[in-house]
C-alpha cells in the first residue's frame, strides 16, 4: 500500500530528477486511476456555493490559494496553500476512505523559501474538506470559513520551524467560471477537460512571523478549485499556469496545456475590475516563453510574453526571484511573478511536468 501511494503521489506531481527538458515530458497522472470514475461533461457545470465541496467520484481535485503580499514597508512576500485530493482506493473501510490527500504550503521572501508537504488518507480525520462551515485542512494547516461560503475566512499554517502565516481573507468581487460556464477544455480535441472556477478578488491581511521577526502583511489572493478524471492519461504531460492581478484591477488566468504529439494549447479568462469574465480561446491569447533558466538542476521557461489583442494587453512576465522551486519529495515550480508592459501588476506562475 505504501509503495502504491508513493507511486500515485509521484505521478501527481510529475517528479523526475533526471528531466532536463524545456517542455514538460512527464505524464503527470498516468497510472493514478483506480478504475471507473466520473467524467467531466458540459451538462453539469459548477453551481456555487454547493460545489465548494469535495467531488469524491472524480479522480483528481484541488483547492488552491496563492497570495501576493507586501509588508508595511513594501517588502514583497508570497504564499501558497493547496489541498489535493486523489481517488486512489482501496474501497472505503472502517479505517479510511478511498481518498488520499496531499497538502502543500509555502512562504517566499526575496531571499528565502519555506515549503511544507504532508500526506493523509481520507476518513482518518486529520485532512479533508468540511462543508458547513467550509474548511480545507491538513492537521494544523487550516483554511476555515464562518459559513458554507468561502469568505470571510482565516488561513493559518507553518511551513517550517519559526515561520507562521495567519491571514484574514475577504472577497470583493464575483467568482470567475472558466471555459464554458466552468466546463474547461484543456486540449484542442476536448479530450482533456475539467470543472474549473476561481475567486480572483481576494483581499488578505494578517501577520507573517519569520525567524528574523514579525511582519504585518496584506495583498491580493487568488483561489482555484478544479476537479477532473480526464487528466489520468499518459498523454497529459503538464502545464504552465498564470494568475495575474493587474494594477488597474483587472485579472487574467492563462493555462498552457502540454499534450503528447500536439502543440501547446492555450486558453484563459480575462476578468474586468467589475467582475465580468471573458473566455479566451487559443485565437484570443498568445503566450510564449522568452527565456529559460536553470533551477534545481532543471532548465525551465521562467520569462514569458503574453498578448491579448482584444484587451490591448502586451505584457512581460518575470519571476520576482528565480528560484521558487518547491523542493520536496514531489517537486514543481510555484512562485510570484511581476508584470510589466502595457499593464503593471503581479501574480503567480506554476510549471508542472518539467
Protein backbone atom coordinates (compact mmCIF):
# COMPACT_ATOMS: atom_id res chain seq x y z
CA UNK A 1 0.00 0.00 0.00
CA UNK A 2 2.77 2.48 0.90
CA UNK A 3 4.63 1.78 -2.33
CA UNK A 4 1.43 2.22 -4.31
CA UNK A 5 0.63 5.50 -2.56
CA UNK A 6 4.12 6.88 -3.22
CA UNK A 7 3.85 5.91 -6.89
CA UNK A 8 0.49 7.66 -7.21
CA UNK A 9 1.76 10.80 -5.50
CA UNK A 10 4.88 10.86 -7.67
CA UNK A 11 2.66 10.65 -10.73
CA UNK A 12 0.54 13.50 -9.31
CA UNK A 13 3.41 15.99 -9.33
CA UNK A 14 5.40 14.66 -12.26
CA UNK A 15 8.59 14.18 -10.27
CA UNK A 16 11.60 13.19 -12.37
CA UNK A 17 15.06 14.08 -11.06
CA UNK A 18 16.69 13.48 -14.45
CA UNK A 19 14.31 15.53 -16.55
CA UNK A 20 16.23 18.35 -18.23
CA UNK A 21 13.71 19.21 -20.96
CA UNK A 22 12.49 22.76 -21.56
CA UNK A 23 8.99 21.43 -22.26
CA UNK A 24 7.11 19.03 -20.00
CA UNK A 25 7.95 15.42 -20.73
CA UNK A 26 6.28 13.62 -17.82
CA UNK A 27 2.76 12.26 -17.82
CA UNK A 28 1.51 13.69 -14.54
CA UNK A 29 -1.40 11.39 -13.77
CA UNK A 30 -1.00 8.25 -15.90
CA UNK A 31 -1.46 5.19 -13.72
CA UNK A 32 -3.22 7.09 -10.95
CA UNK A 33 -6.67 5.83 -11.95
CA UNK A 34 -8.12 3.09 -9.78
CA UNK A 35 -10.89 2.15 -12.19
CA UNK A 36 -14.16 3.72 -13.24
CA UNK A 37 -14.52 7.37 -12.21
CA UNK A 38 -16.92 10.19 -13.05
CA UNK A 39 -16.47 12.09 -16.30
CA UNK A 40 -16.47 15.84 -16.91
CA UNK A 41 -19.24 16.88 -19.29
CA UNK A 42 -20.72 20.27 -20.29
CA UNK A 43 -24.12 19.13 -19.00
CA UNK A 44 -23.18 19.56 -15.32
CA UNK A 45 -21.30 22.78 -14.64
CA UNK A 46 -20.36 24.16 -11.18
CA UNK A 47 -23.07 25.67 -9.00
CA UNK A 48 -21.97 27.75 -6.02
CA UNK A 49 -21.73 27.57 -3.08
CA UNK A 50 -22.58 23.86 -3.22
CA UNK A 51 -19.63 22.92 -5.40
CA UNK A 52 -17.04 24.24 -2.97
CA UNK A 53 -17.37 20.70 -1.57
CA UNK A 54 -15.32 17.62 -2.42
CA UNK A 55 -16.31 15.64 -5.52
CA UNK A 56 -15.11 12.21 -4.48
CA UNK A 57 -16.22 10.34 -7.63
CA UNK A 58 -13.65 12.24 -9.73
CA UNK A 59 -10.05 11.13 -9.92
CA UNK A 60 -8.38 14.46 -9.08
CA UNK A 61 -9.31 17.66 -7.26
CA UNK A 62 -7.58 20.63 -5.70
CA UNK A 63 -8.38 23.71 -3.62
CA UNK A 64 -5.62 26.21 -4.36
CA UNK A 65 -4.84 29.55 -2.71
CA UNK A 66 -2.00 31.81 -3.86
CA UNK A 67 -1.22 35.14 -2.18
CA UNK A 68 0.79 38.15 -3.32
CA UNK A 69 1.70 40.04 -0.15
CA UNK A 70 3.68 43.08 0.99
CA UNK A 71 4.51 44.29 4.49
CA UNK A 72 4.06 47.83 5.82
CA UNK A 73 7.47 48.84 4.44
CA UNK A 74 6.70 47.47 0.97
CA UNK A 75 8.83 44.33 1.26
CA UNK A 76 7.35 41.65 -1.03
CA UNK A 77 6.31 38.17 0.06
CA UNK A 78 4.34 35.32 -1.48
CA UNK A 79 2.43 32.35 -0.08
CA UNK A 80 0.66 29.18 -1.23
CA UNK A 81 -1.86 26.85 0.42
CA UNK A 82 -3.06 23.81 -1.55
CA UNK A 83 -5.06 20.73 -0.65
CA UNK A 84 -5.03 17.98 -3.30
CA UNK A 85 -7.42 15.01 -3.32
CA UNK A 86 -6.87 11.77 -5.29
CA UNK A 87 -9.22 8.85 -5.68
CA UNK A 88 -6.65 6.13 -5.04
CA UNK A 89 -8.56 3.29 -3.37
CA UNK A 90 -8.98 0.77 -2.00
CA UNK A 91 -12.69 0.99 -1.31
CA UNK A 92 -13.98 2.62 1.86
CA UNK A 93 -13.35 0.66 5.04
CA UNK A 94 -13.70 1.12 8.78
CA UNK A 95 -10.19 2.64 8.79
CA UNK A 96 -10.20 5.11 5.89
CA UNK A 97 -11.89 6.16 2.66
CA UNK A 98 -10.79 5.68 -0.94
CA UNK A 99 -9.38 9.22 -0.96
CA UNK A 100 -5.77 10.35 -0.46
CA UNK A 101 -4.89 13.95 0.44
CA UNK A 102 -1.68 15.88 -0.15
CA UNK A 103 -1.17 19.38 1.26
CA UNK A 104 1.44 21.90 0.12
CA UNK A 105 2.19 25.21 1.86
CA UNK A 106 4.93 27.74 1.17
CA UNK A 107 6.14 31.20 2.05
CA UNK A 108 8.59 33.25 -0.04
CA UNK A 109 10.65 36.26 0.86
CA UNK A 110 13.09 37.70 -1.67
CA UNK A 111 15.91 35.68 -0.12
CA UNK A 112 14.24 32.63 1.43
CA UNK A 113 11.72 29.92 0.60
CA UNK A 114 9.97 27.83 3.25
CA UNK A 115 7.96 24.85 1.97
CA UNK A 116 5.98 22.08 3.66
CA UNK A 117 4.36 18.91 2.34
CA UNK A 118 2.08 16.40 4.11
CA UNK A 119 0.01 13.33 3.19
CA UNK A 120 -3.04 11.63 4.73
CA UNK A 121 -5.75 9.14 3.92
CA UNK A 122 -9.34 10.35 3.82
CA UNK A 123 -11.68 9.46 6.64
CA UNK A 124 -8.98 9.38 9.29
CA UNK A 125 -9.93 12.86 10.49
CA UNK A 126 -6.71 14.83 10.05
CA UNK A 127 -7.29 16.02 6.46
CA UNK A 128 -10.17 16.83 4.16
CA UNK A 129 -12.95 19.25 3.25
CA UNK A 130 -15.78 20.30 5.54
CA UNK A 131 -18.89 21.94 4.05
CA UNK A 132 -20.84 23.76 6.80
CA UNK A 133 -18.88 25.73 7.69
CA UNK A 134 -16.36 25.31 4.91
CA UNK A 135 -12.84 24.20 5.84
CA UNK A 136 -9.88 22.77 3.96
CA UNK A 137 -7.29 21.32 6.31
CA UNK A 138 -4.35 19.03 6.94
CA UNK A 139 -3.56 18.72 10.65
CA UNK A 140 -2.97 22.30 11.89
CA UNK A 141 -2.69 23.75 8.38
CA UNK A 142 -6.21 25.12 8.06
CA UNK A 143 -8.35 27.37 5.89
CA UNK A 144 -11.52 27.99 7.92
CA UNK A 145 -14.64 29.90 6.87
CA UNK A 146 -17.53 31.07 9.05
CA UNK A 147 -20.27 29.52 6.86
CA UNK A 148 -20.76 27.34 3.77
CA UNK A 149 -19.38 30.29 1.78
CA UNK A 150 -15.59 30.56 1.42
CA UNK A 151 -15.36 34.11 2.74
CA UNK A 152 -14.89 35.64 5.22
CA UNK A 153 -12.35 33.11 6.45
CA UNK A 154 -8.99 32.66 8.11
CA UNK A 155 -5.87 30.91 6.85
CA UNK A 156 -3.18 29.60 9.16
CA UNK A 157 -0.14 27.41 8.52
CA UNK A 158 3.51 26.93 9.39
CA UNK A 159 5.69 25.56 6.56
CA UNK A 160 8.83 25.37 8.72
CA UNK A 161 10.04 25.94 12.27
CA UNK A 162 9.94 29.63 13.13
CA UNK A 163 7.64 30.52 10.22
CA UNK A 164 3.92 31.15 10.74
CA UNK A 165 1.40 32.83 8.42
CA UNK A 166 -2.02 33.87 9.76
CA UNK A 167 -4.39 35.79 7.47
CA UNK A 168 -7.92 37.11 7.36
CA UNK A 169 -9.46 36.62 3.90
CA UNK A 170 -12.38 38.52 2.35
CA UNK A 171 -13.75 38.73 -1.19
CA UNK A 172 -14.60 41.91 -3.06
CA UNK A 173 -15.86 40.59 -6.39
CA UNK A 174 -17.64 37.65 -8.04
CA UNK A 175 -16.31 34.20 -8.92
CA UNK A 176 -14.96 33.53 -12.42
CA UNK A 177 -16.21 30.45 -14.28
CA UNK A 178 -13.58 29.31 -16.77
CA UNK A 179 -14.26 27.91 -20.21
CA UNK A 180 -17.97 27.41 -20.86
CA UNK A 181 -19.58 28.30 -17.52
CA UNK A 182 -16.99 26.27 -15.61
CA UNK A 183 -16.55 23.46 -18.15
CA UNK A 184 -12.89 23.94 -19.12
CA UNK A 185 -11.37 22.18 -22.13
CA UNK A 186 -7.59 21.79 -21.89
CA UNK A 187 -6.79 20.45 -25.38
CA UNK A 188 -7.80 21.23 -28.95
CA UNK A 189 -9.75 17.97 -29.27
CA UNK A 190 -11.52 18.46 -25.93
CA UNK A 191 -10.25 15.12 -24.61
CA UNK A 192 -8.63 16.76 -21.58
CA UNK A 193 -11.09 18.80 -19.54
CA UNK A 194 -12.10 19.77 -16.03
CA UNK A 195 -14.61 21.69 -13.98
CA UNK A 196 -12.83 24.89 -13.04
CA UNK A 197 -13.68 28.16 -11.32
CA UNK A 198 -11.74 30.84 -9.42
CA UNK A 199 -12.15 33.63 -6.93
CA UNK A 200 -9.64 36.24 -8.16
CA UNK A 201 -10.91 39.05 -5.91
CA UNK A 202 -9.49 38.14 -2.51
CA UNK A 203 -8.11 40.64 -0.02
CA UNK A 204 -5.72 39.25 2.59
CA UNK A 205 -4.26 40.82 5.72
CA UNK A 206 -2.55 39.45 8.77
CA UNK A 207 0.76 38.50 10.33
CA UNK A 208 3.80 36.73 8.95
CA UNK A 209 6.26 35.54 11.58
CA UNK A 210 9.77 34.72 10.35
CA UNK A 211 12.97 33.78 12.17
CA UNK A 212 14.07 37.38 11.56
CA UNK A 213 10.95 38.93 13.08
CA UNK A 214 7.26 39.66 12.60
CA UNK A 215 5.66 41.43 9.62
CA UNK A 216 2.20 42.88 9.14
CA UNK A 217 1.27 41.87 5.59
CA UNK A 218 -1.57 42.47 3.16
CA UNK A 219 -2.27 41.94 -0.51
CA UNK A 220 -4.18 40.04 -3.19
CA UNK A 221 -5.25 36.41 -3.16
CA UNK A 222 -6.42 34.01 -5.87
CA UNK A 223 -8.40 30.80 -5.30
CA UNK A 224 -8.72 27.94 -7.81
CA UNK A 225 -10.99 24.93 -7.46
CA UNK A 226 -10.71 22.23 -10.10
CA UNK A 227 -11.82 18.60 -10.40
CA UNK A 228 -11.45 16.09 -13.21
CA UNK A 229 -10.84 12.49 -14.22
CA UNK A 230 -9.64 13.14 -17.77
CA UNK A 231 -6.06 14.04 -16.80
CA UNK A 232 -5.27 10.49 -15.63
CA UNK A 233 -3.78 9.74 -19.04
CA UNK A 234 -0.22 9.11 -20.22
CA UNK A 235 -0.58 11.80 -22.91
CA UNK A 236 -1.21 14.64 -20.42
CA UNK A 237 2.33 15.95 -19.95
CA UNK A 238 1.91 19.03 -17.77
CA UNK A 239 1.06 22.72 -17.95
CA UNK A 240 2.11 26.34 -17.50
CA UNK A 241 -0.44 28.30 -15.42
CA UNK A 242 -0.67 32.01 -14.60
CA UNK A 243 -2.93 34.06 -12.32
CA UNK A 244 -2.38 37.80 -12.65
CA UNK A 245 -3.58 40.84 -10.70
CA UNK A 246 -3.23 43.91 -12.91
CA UNK A 247 -2.77 47.31 -11.31
CA UNK A 248 -5.96 48.61 -12.97
CA UNK A 249 -7.97 45.97 -11.06
CA UNK A 250 -8.42 43.51 -13.93
CA UNK A 251 -7.46 39.82 -13.58
CA UNK A 252 -6.09 37.23 -16.01
CA UNK A 253 -5.95 33.45 -15.85
CA UNK A 254 -3.91 31.70 -18.56
CA UNK A 255 -3.38 27.96 -18.95
CA UNK A 256 -0.97 26.36 -21.44
CA UNK A 257 -1.53 22.59 -21.64
CA UNK A 258 1.08 20.18 -22.99
CA UNK A 259 -0.30 17.05 -24.65
CA UNK A 260 1.81 14.33 -26.23
CA UNK A 261 2.28 14.79 -30.00
CA UNK A 262 0.44 18.13 -30.05
CA UNK A 263 1.36 21.79 -29.93
CA UNK A 264 0.75 23.54 -26.59
CA UNK A 265 -2.89 24.52 -26.19
CA UNK A 266 -3.55 27.91 -24.59
CA UNK A 267 -6.81 29.07 -23.02
CA UNK A 268 -7.61 31.74 -20.47
CA UNK A 269 -10.08 34.08 -18.84
CA UNK A 270 -9.99 37.86 -18.70
CA UNK A 271 -11.88 39.30 -15.72
CA UNK A 272 -12.60 43.03 -15.60
CA UNK A 273 -12.35 45.00 -12.37
CA UNK A 274 -16.18 45.00 -12.32
CA UNK A 275 -16.15 41.19 -12.33
CA UNK A 276 -17.19 40.47 -15.93
CA UNK A 277 -15.45 37.31 -17.22
CA UNK A 278 -14.48 36.80 -20.86
CA UNK A 279 -13.30 33.40 -22.08
CA UNK A 280 -10.10 33.44 -24.15
CA UNK A 281 -9.54 30.63 -26.62
CA UNK A 282 -6.30 29.87 -28.44
CA UNK A 283 -7.07 32.54 -31.05
CA UNK A 284 -7.55 35.25 -28.43
CA UNK A 285 -4.34 34.89 -26.41
CA UNK A 286 -0.68 34.35 -27.31
CA UNK A 287 1.56 33.07 -24.52
CA UNK A 288 5.20 32.27 -25.26
CA UNK A 289 8.34 31.72 -23.15
CA UNK A 290 11.11 34.24 -23.79
CA UNK A 291 13.91 32.86 -21.60
CA UNK A 292 14.79 29.59 -19.93
CA UNK A 293 16.77 29.45 -16.71
CA UNK A 294 18.29 26.68 -14.62
CA UNK A 295 16.52 25.92 -11.34
CA UNK A 296 17.20 22.86 -9.17
CA UNK A 297 19.20 21.29 -11.97
CA UNK A 298 16.38 21.67 -14.48
CA UNK A 299 16.02 24.06 -17.41
CA UNK A 300 12.66 25.78 -17.14
CA UNK A 301 10.83 28.59 -19.01
CA UNK A 302 10.66 31.36 -16.39
CA UNK A 303 10.26 34.51 -18.51
CA UNK A 304 7.12 34.89 -20.65
CA UNK A 305 5.39 37.21 -23.13
CA UNK A 306 1.59 37.44 -23.13
CA UNK A 307 -0.54 39.23 -25.73
CA UNK A 308 -4.34 39.61 -25.63
CA UNK A 309 -5.21 41.92 -28.56
CA UNK A 310 -8.91 42.31 -27.68
CA UNK A 311 -7.95 43.74 -24.27
CA UNK A 312 -4.93 45.69 -25.56
CA UNK A 313 -2.66 43.64 -23.31
CA UNK A 314 1.01 43.19 -24.25
CA UNK A 315 2.96 42.23 -21.16
CA UNK A 316 6.17 40.62 -19.95
CA UNK A 317 6.11 38.18 -17.03
CA UNK A 318 9.21 37.50 -14.93
CA UNK A 319 9.63 35.85 -11.52
CA UNK A 320 10.27 38.16 -8.58
CA UNK A 321 13.17 35.80 -7.89
CA UNK A 322 14.49 32.95 -9.99
CA UNK A 323 14.42 30.05 -7.56
CA UNK A 324 10.85 29.39 -6.46
CA UNK A 325 11.01 25.63 -6.89
CA UNK A 326 9.12 23.59 -4.31
CA UNK A 327 11.90 21.23 -3.23
CA UNK A 328 10.13 18.29 -1.67
CA UNK A 329 9.59 14.63 -2.35
CA UNK A 330 7.21 15.71 -5.14
CA UNK A 331 8.57 18.97 -6.62
CA UNK A 332 7.33 21.59 -9.11
CA UNK A 333 7.73 25.33 -9.73
CA UNK A 334 5.30 27.70 -8.00
CA UNK A 335 6.06 31.35 -7.40
CA UNK A 336 5.36 35.04 -7.58
CA UNK A 337 5.58 36.90 -10.90
CA UNK A 338 5.95 40.55 -11.82
CA UNK A 339 4.06 42.13 -14.74
CA UNK A 340 5.32 44.95 -17.00
CA UNK A 341 4.44 46.37 -20.39
CA UNK A 342 1.06 47.84 -21.31
CA UNK A 343 -0.02 46.90 -17.79
CA UNK A 344 1.77 46.52 -14.47
CA UNK A 345 0.92 44.07 -11.74
CA UNK A 346 1.86 40.82 -10.04
CA UNK A 347 0.66 37.26 -9.73
CA UNK A 348 1.68 33.62 -9.70
CA UNK A 349 3.09 31.05 -12.13
CA UNK A 350 3.00 27.26 -11.86
CA UNK A 351 5.04 24.92 -14.07
CA UNK A 352 4.42 21.16 -13.84
CA UNK A 353 5.91 18.15 -15.59
CA UNK A 354 9.40 19.62 -16.18
